[in-house]
Amino acid sequence: FTLTTLCPPMVYGPPEQEVPSLVKLNTSDLYIYDIFNGTSDPRYGVWI
């Protein structure tokens, strides 16, 4: 076989997985929801 590697940075987007609770969102979506919910300020780190 041949190999291909993909190198994504911060990954955001609508969660389509099973979400038992909004506090149990995947980490990157939780970053956005915490702002949307007024529970956190923006968190800086990766810029892409």
ModelCIF file with pLDDT and N, C-alpha, C, O atoms, coordinates in Angstrom:
data_MODEL
#
_entry.id   MODEL 
#
_entity.id                         1 
_entity.type                       polymer 
_entity.pdbx_number_of_molecules   1 
#
_entity_poly.entity_id                      1 
_entity_poly.type                           'polypeptide(L)' 
_entity_poly.nstd_linkage                   no 
_entity_poly.nstd_monomer                   no 
_entity_poly.pdbx_seq_one_letter_code       FTLTTLCPPMVYGPPEQEVPSLVKLNTSDLYIYDIFNGTSDPRYGVWI 
_entity_poly.pdbx_seq_one_letter_code_can   FTLTTLCPPMVYGPPEQEVPSLVKLNTSDLYIYDIFNGTSDPRYGVWI 
_entity_poly.pdbx_strand_id                 A 
#
loop_
_entity_poly_seq.entity_id 
_entity_poly_seq.num 
_entity_poly_seq.mon_id 
_entity_poly_seq.hetero 
1 1  PHE n 
1 2  THR n 
1 3  LEU n 
1 4  THR n 
1 5  THR n 
1 6  LEU n 
1 7  CYS n 
1 8  PRO n 
1 9  PRO n 
1 10 MET n 
1 11 VAL n 
1 12 TYR n 
1 13 GLY n 
1 14 PRO n 
1 15 PRO n 
1 16 GLU n 
1 17 GLN n 
1 18 GLU n 
1 19 VAL n 
1 20 PRO n 
1 21 SER n 
1 22 LEU n 
1 23 VAL n 
1 24 LYS n 
1 25 LEU n 
1 26 ASN n 
1 27 THR n 
1 28 SER n 
1 29 ASP n 
1 30 LEU n 
1 31 TYR n 
1 32 ILE n 
1 33 TYR n 
1 34 ASP n 
1 35 ILE n 
1 36 PHE n 
1 37 ASN n 
1 38 GLY n 
1 39 THR n 
1 40 SER n 
1 41 ASP n 
1 42 PRO n 
1 43 ARG n 
1 44 TYR n 
1 45 GLY n 
1 46 VAL n 
1 47 TRP n 
1 48 ILE n 
#
_struct_asym.id          A 
_struct_asym.entity_id   1 
#
loop_
_ma_qa_metric.id 
_ma_qa_metric.mode 
_ma_qa_metric.name 
_ma_qa_metric.software_group_id 
_ma_qa_metric.type 
1 global pLDDT . pLDDT 
2 local  pLDDT . pLDDT 
#
_ma_qa_metric_global.metric_id      1 
_ma_qa_metric_global.metric_value   96.35 
_ma_qa_metric_global.model_id       1 
_ma_qa_metric_global.ordinal_id     1 
#
loop_
_ma_qa_metric_local.label_asym_id 
_ma_qa_metric_local.label_comp_id 
_ma_qa_metric_local.label_seq_id 
_ma_qa_metric_local.metric_id 
_ma_qa_metric_local.metric_value 
_ma_qa_metric_local.model_id 
_ma_qa_metric_local.ordinal_id 
A PHE 1  2 96.00 1 1  
A THR 2  2 97.00 1 2  
A LEU 3  2 97.00 1 3  
A THR 4  2 97.00 1 4  
A THR 5  2 98.00 1 5  
A LEU 6  2 98.00 1 6  
A CYS 7  2 98.00 1 7  
A PRO 8  2 98.00 1 8  
A PRO 9  2 98.00 1 9  
A MET 10 2 98.00 1 10 
A VAL 11 2 98.00 1 11 
A TYR 12 2 98.00 1 12 
A GLY 13 2 98.00 1 13 
A PRO 14 2 98.00 1 14 
A PRO 15 2 97.00 1 15 
A GLU 16 2 93.00 1 16 
A GLN 17 2 94.00 1 17 
A GLU 18 2 94.00 1 18 
A VAL 19 2 95.00 1 19 
A PRO 20 2 95.00 1 20 
A SER 21 2 96.00 1 21 
A LEU 22 2 96.00 1 22 
A VAL 23 2 94.00 1 23 
A LYS 24 2 95.00 1 24 
A LEU 25 2 97.00 1 25 
A ASN 26 2 96.00 1 26 
A THR 27 2 95.00 1 27 
A SER 28 2 96.00 1 28 
A ASP 29 2 97.00 1 29 
A LEU 30 2 97.00 1 30 
A TYR 31 2 97.00 1 31 
A ILE 32 2 98.00 1 32 
A TYR 33 2 98.00 1 33 
A ASP 34 2 98.00 1 34 
A ILE 35 2 98.00 1 35 
A PHE 36 2 98.00 1 36 
A ASN 37 2 97.00 1 37 
A GLY 38 2 97.00 1 38 
A THR 39 2 96.00 1 39 
A SER 40 2 95.00 1 40 
A ASP 41 2 95.00 1 41 
A PRO 42 2 95.00 1 42 
A ARG 43 2 93.00 1 43 
A TYR 44 2 93.00 1 44 
A GLY 45 2 92.00 1 45 
A VAL 46 2 95.00 1 46 
A TRP 47 2 98.00 1 47 
A ILE 48 2 98.00 1 48 
#
loop_
_atom_site.group_PDB 
_atom_site.id 
_atom_site.type_symbol 
_atom_site.label_atom_id 
_atom_site.label_alt_id 
_atom_site.label_comp_id 
_atom_site.label_asym_id 
_atom_site.label_entity_id 
_atom_site.label_seq_id 
_atom_site.pdbx_PDB_ins_code 
_atom_site.Cartn_x 
_atom_site.Cartn_y 
_atom_site.Cartn_z 
_atom_site.occupancy 
_atom_site.B_iso_or_equiv 
_atom_site.pdbx_formal_charge 
_atom_site.auth_seq_id 
_atom_site.auth_comp_id 
_atom_site.auth_asym_id 
_atom_site.auth_atom_id 
_atom_site.pdbx_PDB_model_num 
ATOM 1   N N  . PHE A 1 1  ? 0.824   -1.202 0.000  1.00 96.00 ? 1  PHE A N  1 
ATOM 2   C CA . PHE A 1 1  ? 0.000   0.000  0.000  1.00 96.00 ? 1  PHE A CA 1 
ATOM 3   C C  . PHE A 1 1  ? 0.867   1.264  0.000  1.00 96.00 ? 1  PHE A C  1 
ATOM 4   O O  . PHE A 1 1  ? 2.027   1.244  0.411  1.00 96.00 ? 1  PHE A O  1 
ATOM 5   N N  . THR A 1 2  ? 0.283   2.340  -0.463 1.00 97.00 ? 2  THR A N  1 
ATOM 6   C CA . THR A 1 2  ? 0.913   3.656  -0.363 1.00 97.00 ? 2  THR A CA 1 
ATOM 7   C C  . THR A 1 2  ? 0.302   4.384  0.824  1.00 97.00 ? 2  THR A C  1 
ATOM 8   O O  . THR A 1 2  ? -0.786  4.039  1.285  1.00 97.00 ? 2  THR A O  1 
ATOM 9   N N  . LEU A 1 3  ? 1.008   5.386  1.309  1.00 97.00 ? 3  LEU A N  1 
ATOM 10  C CA . LEU A 1 3  ? 0.595   6.099  2.515  1.00 97.00 ? 3  LEU A CA 1 
ATOM 11  C C  . LEU A 1 3  ? 0.297   7.561  2.198  1.00 97.00 ? 3  LEU A C  1 
ATOM 12  O O  . LEU A 1 3  ? 0.989   8.194  1.400  1.00 97.00 ? 3  LEU A O  1 
ATOM 13  N N  . THR A 1 4  ? -0.743  8.079  2.837  1.00 97.00 ? 4  THR A N  1 
ATOM 14  C CA . THR A 1 4  ? -1.032  9.508  2.787  1.00 97.00 ? 4  THR A CA 1 
ATOM 15  C C  . THR A 1 4  ? -1.295  9.965  4.214  1.00 97.00 ? 4  THR A C  1 
ATOM 16  O O  . THR A 1 4  ? -2.067  9.335  4.938  1.00 97.00 ? 4  THR A O  1 
ATOM 17  N N  . THR A 1 5  ? -0.653  11.065 4.625  1.00 98.00 ? 5  THR A N  1 
ATOM 18  C CA . THR A 1 5  ? -0.918  11.590 5.958  1.00 98.00 ? 5  THR A CA 1 
ATOM 19  C C  . THR A 1 5  ? -1.558  12.968 5.842  1.00 98.00 ? 5  THR A C  1 
ATOM 20  O O  . THR A 1 5  ? -1.182  13.782 4.999  1.00 98.00 ? 5  THR A O  1 
ATOM 21  N N  . LEU A 1 6  ? -2.535  13.205 6.711  1.00 98.00 ? 6  LEU A N  1 
ATOM 22  C CA . LEU A 1 6  ? -3.247  14.476 6.755  1.00 98.00 ? 6  LEU A CA 1 
ATOM 23  C C  . LEU A 1 6  ? -2.941  15.159 8.083  1.00 98.00 ? 6  LEU A C  1 
ATOM 24  O O  . LEU A 1 6  ? -2.987  14.532 9.141  1.00 98.00 ? 6  LEU A O  1 
ATOM 25  N N  . CYS A 1 7  ? -2.627  16.454 8.016  1.00 98.00 ? 7  CYS A N  1 
ATOM 26  C CA . CYS A 1 7  ? -2.217  17.194 9.208  1.00 98.00 ? 7  CYS A CA 1 
ATOM 27  C C  . CYS A 1 7  ? -3.169  18.356 9.469  1.00 98.00 ? 7  CYS A C  1 
ATOM 28  O O  . CYS A 1 7  ? -2.890  19.484 9.061  1.00 98.00 ? 7  CYS A O  1 
ATOM 29  N N  . PRO A 1 8  ? -4.289  18.097 10.144 1.00 98.00 ? 8  PRO A N  1 
ATOM 30  C CA . PRO A 1 8  ? -5.232  19.170 10.447 1.00 98.00 ? 8  PRO A CA 1 
ATOM 31  C C  . PRO A 1 8  ? -4.835  19.914 11.718 1.00 98.00 ? 8  PRO A C  1 
ATOM 32  O O  . PRO A 1 8  ? -4.214  19.334 12.609 1.00 98.00 ? 8  PRO A O  1 
ATOM 33  N N  . PRO A 1 9  ? -5.193  21.215 11.809 1.00 98.00 ? 9  PRO A N  1 
ATOM 34  C CA . PRO A 1 9  ? -4.947  21.982 13.031 1.00 98.00 ? 9  PRO A CA 1 
ATOM 35  C C  . PRO A 1 9  ? -6.175  21.890 13.945 1.00 98.00 ? 9  PRO A C  1 
ATOM 36  O O  . PRO A 1 9  ? -6.681  20.791 14.174 1.00 98.00 ? 9  PRO A O  1 
ATOM 37  N N  . MET A 1 10 ? -6.665  23.021 14.473 1.00 98.00 ? 10 MET A N  1 
ATOM 38  C CA . MET A 1 10 ? -7.892  23.006 15.262 1.00 98.00 ? 10 MET A CA 1 
ATOM 39  C C  . MET A 1 10 ? -9.054  22.616 14.353 1.00 98.00 ? 10 MET A C  1 
ATOM 40  O O  . MET A 1 10 ? -9.221  23.173 13.267 1.00 98.00 ? 10 MET A O  1 
ATOM 41  N N  . VAL A 1 11 ? -9.850  21.660 14.805 1.00 98.00 ? 11 VAL A N  1 
ATOM 42  C CA . VAL A 1 11 ? -10.965 21.151 14.008 1.00 98.00 ? 11 VAL A CA 1 
ATOM 43  C C  . VAL A 1 11 ? -12.279 21.568 14.673 1.00 98.00 ? 11 VAL A C  1 
ATOM 44  O O  . VAL A 1 11 ? -12.563 21.175 15.805 1.00 98.00 ? 11 VAL A O  1 
ATOM 45  N N  . TYR A 1 12 ? -13.067 22.359 13.965 1.00 98.00 ? 12 TYR A N  1 
ATOM 46  C CA . TYR A 1 12 ? -14.346 22.843 14.483 1.00 98.00 ? 12 TYR A CA 1 
ATOM 47  C C  . TYR A 1 12 ? -15.470 22.418 13.561 1.00 98.00 ? 12 TYR A C  1 
ATOM 48  O O  . TYR A 1 12 ? -15.234 22.006 12.426 1.00 98.00 ? 12 TYR A O  1 
ATOM 49  N N  . GLY A 1 13 ? -16.690 22.520 14.052 1.00 98.00 ? 13 GLY A N  1 
ATOM 50  C CA . GLY A 1 13 ? -17.841 22.212 13.213 1.00 98.00 ? 13 GLY A CA 1 
ATOM 51  C C  . GLY A 1 13 ? -18.964 21.596 14.012 1.00 98.00 ? 13 GLY A C  1 
ATOM 52  O O  . GLY A 1 13 ? -18.767 21.212 15.164 1.00 98.00 ? 13 GLY A O  1 
ATOM 53  N N  . PRO A 1 14 ? -20.162 21.493 13.410 1.00 98.00 ? 14 PRO A N  1 
ATOM 54  C CA . PRO A 1 14 ? -21.327 20.970 14.123 1.00 98.00 ? 14 PRO A CA 1 
ATOM 55  C C  . PRO A 1 14 ? -21.119 19.532 14.576 1.00 98.00 ? 14 PRO A C  1 
ATOM 56  O O  . PRO A 1 14 ? -20.741 18.681 13.771 1.00 98.00 ? 14 PRO A O  1 
ATOM 57  N N  . PRO A 1 15 ? -21.362 19.251 15.855 1.00 97.00 ? 15 PRO A N  1 
ATOM 58  C CA . PRO A 1 15 ? -21.181 17.879 16.362 1.00 97.00 ? 15 PRO A CA 1 
ATOM 59  C C  . PRO A 1 15 ? -22.322 16.973 15.907 1.00 97.00 ? 15 PRO A C  1 
ATOM 60  O O  . PRO A 1 15 ? -23.480 17.195 16.260 1.00 97.00 ? 15 PRO A O  1 
ATOM 61  N N  . GLU A 1 16 ? -21.994 15.975 15.139 1.00 93.00 ? 16 GLU A N  1 
ATOM 62  C CA . GLU A 1 16 ? -23.014 15.031 14.659 1.00 93.00 ? 16 GLU A CA 1 
ATOM 63  C C  . GLU A 1 16 ? -22.940 13.704 15.405 1.00 93.00 ? 16 GLU A C  1 
ATOM 64  O O  . GLU A 1 16 ? -23.754 12.809 15.179 1.00 93.00 ? 16 GLU A O  1 
ATOM 65  N N  . GLN A 1 17 ? -21.961 13.583 16.291 1.00 94.00 ? 17 GLN A N  1 
ATOM 66  C CA . GLN A 1 17 ? -21.875 12.377 17.100 1.00 94.00 ? 17 GLN A CA 1 
ATOM 67  C C  . GLN A 1 17 ? -22.938 12.409 18.200 1.00 94.00 ? 17 GLN A C  1 
ATOM 68  O O  . GLN A 1 17 ? -23.580 13.438 18.409 1.00 94.00 ? 17 GLN A O  1 
ATOM 69  N N  . GLU A 1 18 ? -23.122 11.312 18.888 1.00 94.00 ? 18 GLU A N  1 
ATOM 70  C CA . GLU A 1 18 ? -24.028 11.270 20.023 1.00 94.00 ? 18 GLU A CA 1 
ATOM 71  C C  . GLU A 1 18 ? -23.490 12.198 21.110 1.00 94.00 ? 18 GLU A C  1 
ATOM 72  O O  . GLU A 1 18 ? -22.343 12.063 21.535 1.00 94.00 ? 18 GLU A O  1 
ATOM 73  N N  . VAL A 1 19 ? -24.318 13.136 21.557 1.00 95.00 ? 19 VAL A N  1 
ATOM 74  C CA . VAL A 1 19 ? -23.912 14.095 22.584 1.00 95.00 ? 19 VAL A CA 1 
ATOM 75  C C  . VAL A 1 19 ? -24.824 13.910 23.795 1.00 95.00 ? 19 VAL A C  1 
ATOM 76  O O  . VAL A 1 19 ? -25.943 14.421 23.800 1.00 95.00 ? 19 VAL A O  1 
ATOM 77  N N  . PRO A 1 20 ? -24.368 13.191 24.820 1.00 95.00 ? 20 PRO A N  1 
ATOM 78  C CA . PRO A 1 20 ? -25.203 12.962 25.997 1.00 95.00 ? 20 PRO A CA 1 
ATOM 79  C C  . PRO A 1 20 ? -25.458 14.242 26.789 1.00 95.00 ? 20 PRO A C  1 
ATOM 80  O O  . PRO A 1 20 ? -26.485 14.383 27.453 1.00 95.00 ? 20 PRO A O  1 
ATOM 81  N N  . SER A 1 21 ? -24.505 15.171 26.708 1.00 96.00 ? 21 SER A N  1 
ATOM 82  C CA . SER A 1 21 ? -24.619 16.432 27.426 1.00 96.00 ? 21 SER A CA 1 
ATOM 83  C C  . SER A 1 21 ? -23.693 17.438 26.775 1.00 96.00 ? 21 SER A C  1 
ATOM 84  O O  . SER A 1 21 ? -22.611 17.083 26.308 1.00 96.00 ? 21 SER A O  1 
ATOM 85  N N  . LEU A 1 22 ? -24.116 18.693 26.743 1.00 96.00 ? 22 LEU A N  1 
ATOM 86  C CA . LEU A 1 22 ? -23.285 19.716 26.118 1.00 96.00 ? 22 LEU A CA 1 
ATOM 87  C C  . LEU A 1 22 ? -21.955 19.898 26.845 1.00 96.00 ? 22 LEU A C  1 
ATOM 88  O O  . LEU A 1 22 ? -20.975 20.339 26.244 1.00 96.00 ? 22 LEU A O  1 
ATOM 89  N N  . VAL A 1 23 ? -21.914 19.567 28.117 1.00 94.00 ? 23 VAL A N  1 
ATOM 90  C CA . VAL A 1 23 ? -20.643 19.680 28.841 1.00 94.00 ? 23 VAL A CA 1 
ATOM 91  C C  . VAL A 1 23 ? -19.702 18.549 28.464 1.00 94.00 ? 23 VAL A C  1 
ATOM 92  O O  . VAL A 1 23 ? -18.532 18.559 28.846 1.00 94.00 ? 23 VAL A O  1 
ATOM 93  N N  . LYS A 1 24 ? -20.207 17.571 27.715 1.00 95.00 ? 24 LYS A N  1 
ATOM 94  C CA . LYS A 1 24 ? -19.379 16.448 27.287 1.00 95.00 ? 24 LYS A CA 1 
ATOM 95  C C  . LYS A 1 24 ? -19.095 16.496 25.781 1.00 95.00 ? 24 LYS A C  1 
ATOM 96  O O  . LYS A 1 24 ? -18.804 15.479 25.151 1.00 95.00 ? 24 LYS A O  1 
ATOM 97  N N  . LEU A 1 25 ? -19.186 17.698 25.231 1.00 97.00 ? 25 LEU A N  1 
ATOM 98  C CA . LEU A 1 25 ? -18.802 17.872 23.838 1.00 97.00 ? 25 LEU A CA 1 
ATOM 99  C C  . LEU A 1 25 ? -17.328 17.554 23.650 1.00 97.00 ? 25 LEU A C  1 
ATOM 100 O O  . LEU A 1 25 ? -16.555 17.588 24.608 1.00 97.00 ? 25 LEU A O  1 
ATOM 101 N N  . ASN A 1 26 ? -16.941 17.249 22.433 1.00 96.00 ? 26 ASN A N  1 
ATOM 102 C CA . ASN A 1 26 ? -15.513 17.121 22.143 1.00 96.00 ? 26 ASN A CA 1 
ATOM 103 C C  . ASN A 1 26 ? -14.838 18.456 22.427 1.00 96.00 ? 26 ASN A C  1 
ATOM 104 O O  . ASN A 1 26 ? -15.481 19.505 22.382 1.00 96.00 ? 26 ASN A O  1 
ATOM 105 N N  . THR A 1 27 ? -13.554 18.417 22.717 1.00 95.00 ? 27 THR A N  1 
ATOM 106 C CA . THR A 1 27 ? -12.845 19.576 23.251 1.00 95.00 ? 27 THR A CA 1 
ATOM 107 C C  . THR A 1 27 ? -12.970 20.827 22.396 1.00 95.00 ? 27 THR A C  1 
ATOM 108 O O  . THR A 1 27 ? -13.259 21.902 22.922 1.00 95.00 ? 27 THR A O  1 
ATOM 109 N N  . SER A 1 28 ? -12.760 20.709 21.090 1.00 96.00 ? 28 SER A N  1 
ATOM 110 C CA . SER A 1 28 ? -12.769 21.903 20.248 1.00 96.00 ? 28 SER A CA 1 
ATOM 111 C C  . SER A 1 28 ? -14.158 22.538 20.179 1.00 96.00 ? 28 SER A C  1 
ATOM 112 O O  . SER A 1 28 ? -14.270 23.764 20.201 1.00 96.00 ? 28 SER A O  1 
ATOM 113 N N  . ASP A 1 29 ? -15.205 21.737 20.097 1.00 97.00 ? 29 ASP A N  1 
ATOM 114 C CA . ASP A 1 29 ? -16.552 22.304 20.095 1.00 97.00 ? 29 ASP A CA 1 
ATOM 115 C C  . ASP A 1 29 ? -16.908 22.894 21.453 1.00 97.00 ? 29 ASP A C  1 
ATOM 116 O O  . ASP A 1 29 ? -17.639 23.880 21.541 1.00 97.00 ? 29 ASP A O  1 
ATOM 117 N N  . LEU A 1 30 ? -16.387 22.283 22.507 1.00 97.00 ? 30 LEU A N  1 
ATOM 118 C CA . LEU A 1 30 ? -16.646 22.815 23.845 1.00 97.00 ? 30 LEU A CA 1 
ATOM 119 C C  . LEU A 1 30 ? -16.040 24.204 24.005 1.00 97.00 ? 30 LEU A C  1 
ATOM 120 O O  . LEU A 1 30 ? -16.595 25.042 24.715 1.00 97.00 ? 30 LEU A O  1 
ATOM 121 N N  . TYR A 1 31 ? -14.903 24.457 23.351 1.00 97.00 ? 31 TYR A N  1 
ATOM 122 C CA . TYR A 1 31 ? -14.316 25.806 23.368 1.00 97.00 ? 31 TYR A CA 1 
ATOM 123 C C  . TYR A 1 31 ? -15.328 26.835 22.871 1.00 97.00 ? 31 TYR A C  1 
ATOM 124 O O  . TYR A 1 31 ? -15.498 27.897 23.471 1.00 97.00 ? 31 TYR A O  1 
ATOM 125 N N  . ILE A 1 32 ? -16.003 26.502 21.758 1.00 98.00 ? 32 ILE A N  1 
ATOM 126 C CA . ILE A 1 32 ? -16.975 27.435 21.187 1.00 98.00 ? 32 ILE A CA 1 
ATOM 127 C C  . ILE A 1 32 ? -18.212 27.524 22.067 1.00 98.00 ? 32 ILE A C  1 
ATOM 128 O O  . ILE A 1 32 ? -18.728 28.614 22.313 1.00 98.00 ? 32 ILE A O  1 
ATOM 129 N N  . TYR A 1 33 ? -18.686 26.378 22.539 1.00 98.00 ? 33 TYR A N  1 
ATOM 130 C CA . TYR A 1 33 ? -19.908 26.397 23.345 1.00 98.00 ? 33 TYR A CA 1 
ATOM 131 C C  . TYR A 1 33 ? -19.706 27.156 24.655 1.00 98.00 ? 33 TYR A C  1 
ATOM 132 O O  . TYR A 1 33 ? -20.619 27.843 25.112 1.00 98.00 ? 33 TYR A O  1 
ATOM 133 N N  . ASP A 1 34 ? -18.547 27.047 25.255 1.00 98.00 ? 34 ASP A N  1 
ATOM 134 C CA . ASP A 1 34 ? -18.290 27.774 26.500 1.00 98.00 ? 34 ASP A CA 1 
ATOM 135 C C  . ASP A 1 34 ? -18.397 29.281 26.292 1.00 98.00 ? 34 ASP A C  1 
ATOM 136 O O  . ASP A 1 34 ? -18.855 30.003 27.177 1.00 98.00 ? 34 ASP A O  1 
ATOM 137 N N  . ILE A 1 35 ? -17.975 29.753 25.127 1.00 98.00 ? 35 ILE A N  1 
ATOM 138 C CA . ILE A 1 35 ? -18.140 31.180 24.805 1.00 98.00 ? 35 ILE A CA 1 
ATOM 139 C C  . ILE A 1 35 ? -19.621 31.469 24.562 1.00 98.00 ? 35 ILE A C  1 
ATOM 140 O O  . ILE A 1 35 ? -20.154 32.446 25.088 1.00 98.00 ? 35 ILE A O  1 
ATOM 141 N N  . PHE A 1 36 ? -20.278 30.639 23.781 1.00 98.00 ? 36 PHE A N  1 
ATOM 142 C CA . PHE A 1 36 ? -21.693 30.791 23.450 1.00 98.00 ? 36 PHE A CA 1 
ATOM 143 C C  . PHE A 1 36 ? -22.561 30.776 24.704 1.00 98.00 ? 36 PHE A C  1 
ATOM 144 O O  . PHE A 1 36 ? -23.616 31.409 24.746 1.00 98.00 ? 36 PHE A O  1 
ATOM 145 N N  . ASN A 1 37 ? -22.113 30.057 25.715 1.00 97.00 ? 37 ASN A N  1 
ATOM 146 C CA . ASN A 1 37 ? -22.857 29.909 26.970 1.00 97.00 ? 37 ASN A CA 1 
ATOM 147 C C  . ASN A 1 37 ? -22.425 30.921 28.028 1.00 97.00 ? 37 ASN A C  1 
ATOM 148 O O  . ASN A 1 37 ? -22.984 30.966 29.124 1.00 97.00 ? 37 ASN A O  1 
ATOM 149 N N  . GLY A 1 38 ? -21.424 31.730 27.686 1.00 97.00 ? 38 GLY A N  1 
ATOM 150 C CA . GLY A 1 38 ? -20.965 32.746 28.622 1.00 97.00 ? 38 GLY A CA 1 
ATOM 151 C C  . GLY A 1 38 ? -20.169 32.221 29.789 1.00 97.00 ? 38 GLY A C  1 
ATOM 152 O O  . GLY A 1 38 ? -20.028 32.909 30.801 1.00 97.00 ? 38 GLY A O  1 
ATOM 153 N N  . THR A 1 39 ? -19.641 31.010 29.672 1.00 96.00 ? 39 THR A N  1 
ATOM 154 C CA . THR A 1 39 ? -18.909 30.403 30.793 1.00 96.00 ? 39 THR A CA 1 
ATOM 155 C C  . THR A 1 39 ? -17.398 30.471 30.640 1.00 96.00 ? 39 THR A C  1 
ATOM 156 O O  . THR A 1 39 ? -16.665 30.040 31.530 1.00 96.00 ? 39 THR A O  1 
ATOM 157 N N  . SER A 1 40 ? -16.924 31.008 29.520 1.00 95.00 ? 40 SER A N  1 
ATOM 158 C CA . SER A 1 40 ? -15.486 31.077 29.315 1.00 95.00 ? 40 SER A CA 1 
ATOM 159 C C  . SER A 1 40 ? -15.149 32.169 28.319 1.00 95.00 ? 40 SER A C  1 
ATOM 160 O O  . SER A 1 40 ? -15.917 32.443 27.397 1.00 95.00 ? 40 SER A O  1 
ATOM 161 N N  . ASP A 1 41 ? -14.002 32.786 28.511 1.00 95.00 ? 41 ASP A N  1 
ATOM 162 C CA . ASP A 1 41 ? -13.468 33.724 27.535 1.00 95.00 ? 41 ASP A CA 1 
ATOM 163 C C  . ASP A 1 41 ? -12.775 32.942 26.427 1.00 95.00 ? 41 ASP A C  1 
ATOM 164 O O  . ASP A 1 41 ? -12.524 31.747 26.585 1.00 95.00 ? 41 ASP A O  1 
ATOM 165 N N  . PRO A 1 42 ? -12.466 33.588 25.318 1.00 95.00 ? 42 PRO A N  1 
ATOM 166 C CA . PRO A 1 42 ? -11.742 32.902 24.238 1.00 95.00 ? 42 PRO A CA 1 
ATOM 167 C C  . PRO A 1 42 ? -10.410 32.346 24.710 1.00 95.00 ? 42 PRO A C  1 
ATOM 168 O O  . PRO A 1 42 ? -9.723  32.954 25.531 1.00 95.00 ? 42 PRO A O  1 
ATOM 169 N N  . ARG A 1 43 ? -10.055 31.185 24.184 1.00 93.00 ? 43 ARG A N  1 
ATOM 170 C CA . ARG A 1 43 ? -8.787  30.549 24.527 1.00 93.00 ? 43 ARG A CA 1 
ATOM 171 C C  . ARG A 1 43 ? -7.894  30.577 23.300 1.00 93.00 ? 43 ARG A C  1 
ATOM 172 O O  . ARG A 1 43 ? -8.278  30.117 22.224 1.00 93.00 ? 43 ARG A O  1 
ATOM 173 N N  . TYR A 1 44 ? -6.724  31.111 23.470 1.00 93.00 ? 44 TYR A N  1 
ATOM 174 C CA . TYR A 1 44 ? -5.809  31.287 22.343 1.00 93.00 ? 44 TYR A CA 1 
ATOM 175 C C  . TYR A 1 44 ? -4.703  30.233 22.380 1.00 93.00 ? 44 TYR A C  1 
ATOM 176 O O  . TYR A 1 44 ? -4.325  29.749 23.448 1.00 93.00 ? 44 TYR A O  1 
ATOM 177 N N  . GLY A 1 45 ? -4.197  29.889 21.215 1.00 92.00 ? 45 GLY A N  1 
ATOM 178 C CA . GLY A 1 45 ? -3.122  28.899 21.138 1.00 92.00 ? 45 GLY A CA 1 
ATOM 179 C C  . GLY A 1 45 ? -2.719  28.658 19.701 1.00 92.00 ? 45 GLY A C  1 
ATOM 180 O O  . GLY A 1 45 ? -1.735  29.215 19.216 1.00 92.00 ? 45 GLY A O  1 
ATOM 181 N N  . VAL A 1 46 ? -3.499  27.809 19.014 1.00 95.00 ? 46 VAL A N  1 
ATOM 182 C CA . VAL A 1 46 ? -3.256  27.515 17.605 1.00 95.00 ? 46 VAL A CA 1 
ATOM 183 C C  . VAL A 1 46 ? -4.019  28.546 16.771 1.00 95.00 ? 46 VAL A C  1 
ATOM 184 O O  . VAL A 1 46 ? -5.147  28.907 17.105 1.00 95.00 ? 46 VAL A O  1 
ATOM 185 N N  . TRP A 1 47 ? -3.397  29.019 15.679 1.00 98.00 ? 47 TRP A N  1 
ATOM 186 C CA . TRP A 1 47 ? -3.964  30.118 14.911 1.00 98.00 ? 47 TRP A CA 1 
ATOM 187 C C  . TRP A 1 47 ? -4.530  29.705 13.557 1.00 98.00 ? 47 TRP A C  1 
ATOM 188 O O  . TRP A 1 47 ? -4.859  30.569 12.743 1.00 98.00 ? 47 TRP A O  1 
ATOM 189 N N  . ILE A 1 48 ? -4.650  28.427 13.303 1.00 98.00 ? 48 ILE A N  1 
ATOM 190 C CA . ILE A 1 48 ? -5.243  27.962 12.042 1.00 98.00 ? 48 ILE A CA 1 
ATOM 191 C C  . ILE A 1 48 ? -6.269  26.878 12.346 1.00 98.00 ? 48 ILE A C  1 
ATOM 192 O O  . ILE A 1 48 ? -6.893  26.344 11.429 1.00 98.00 ? 48 ILE A O  1 
#
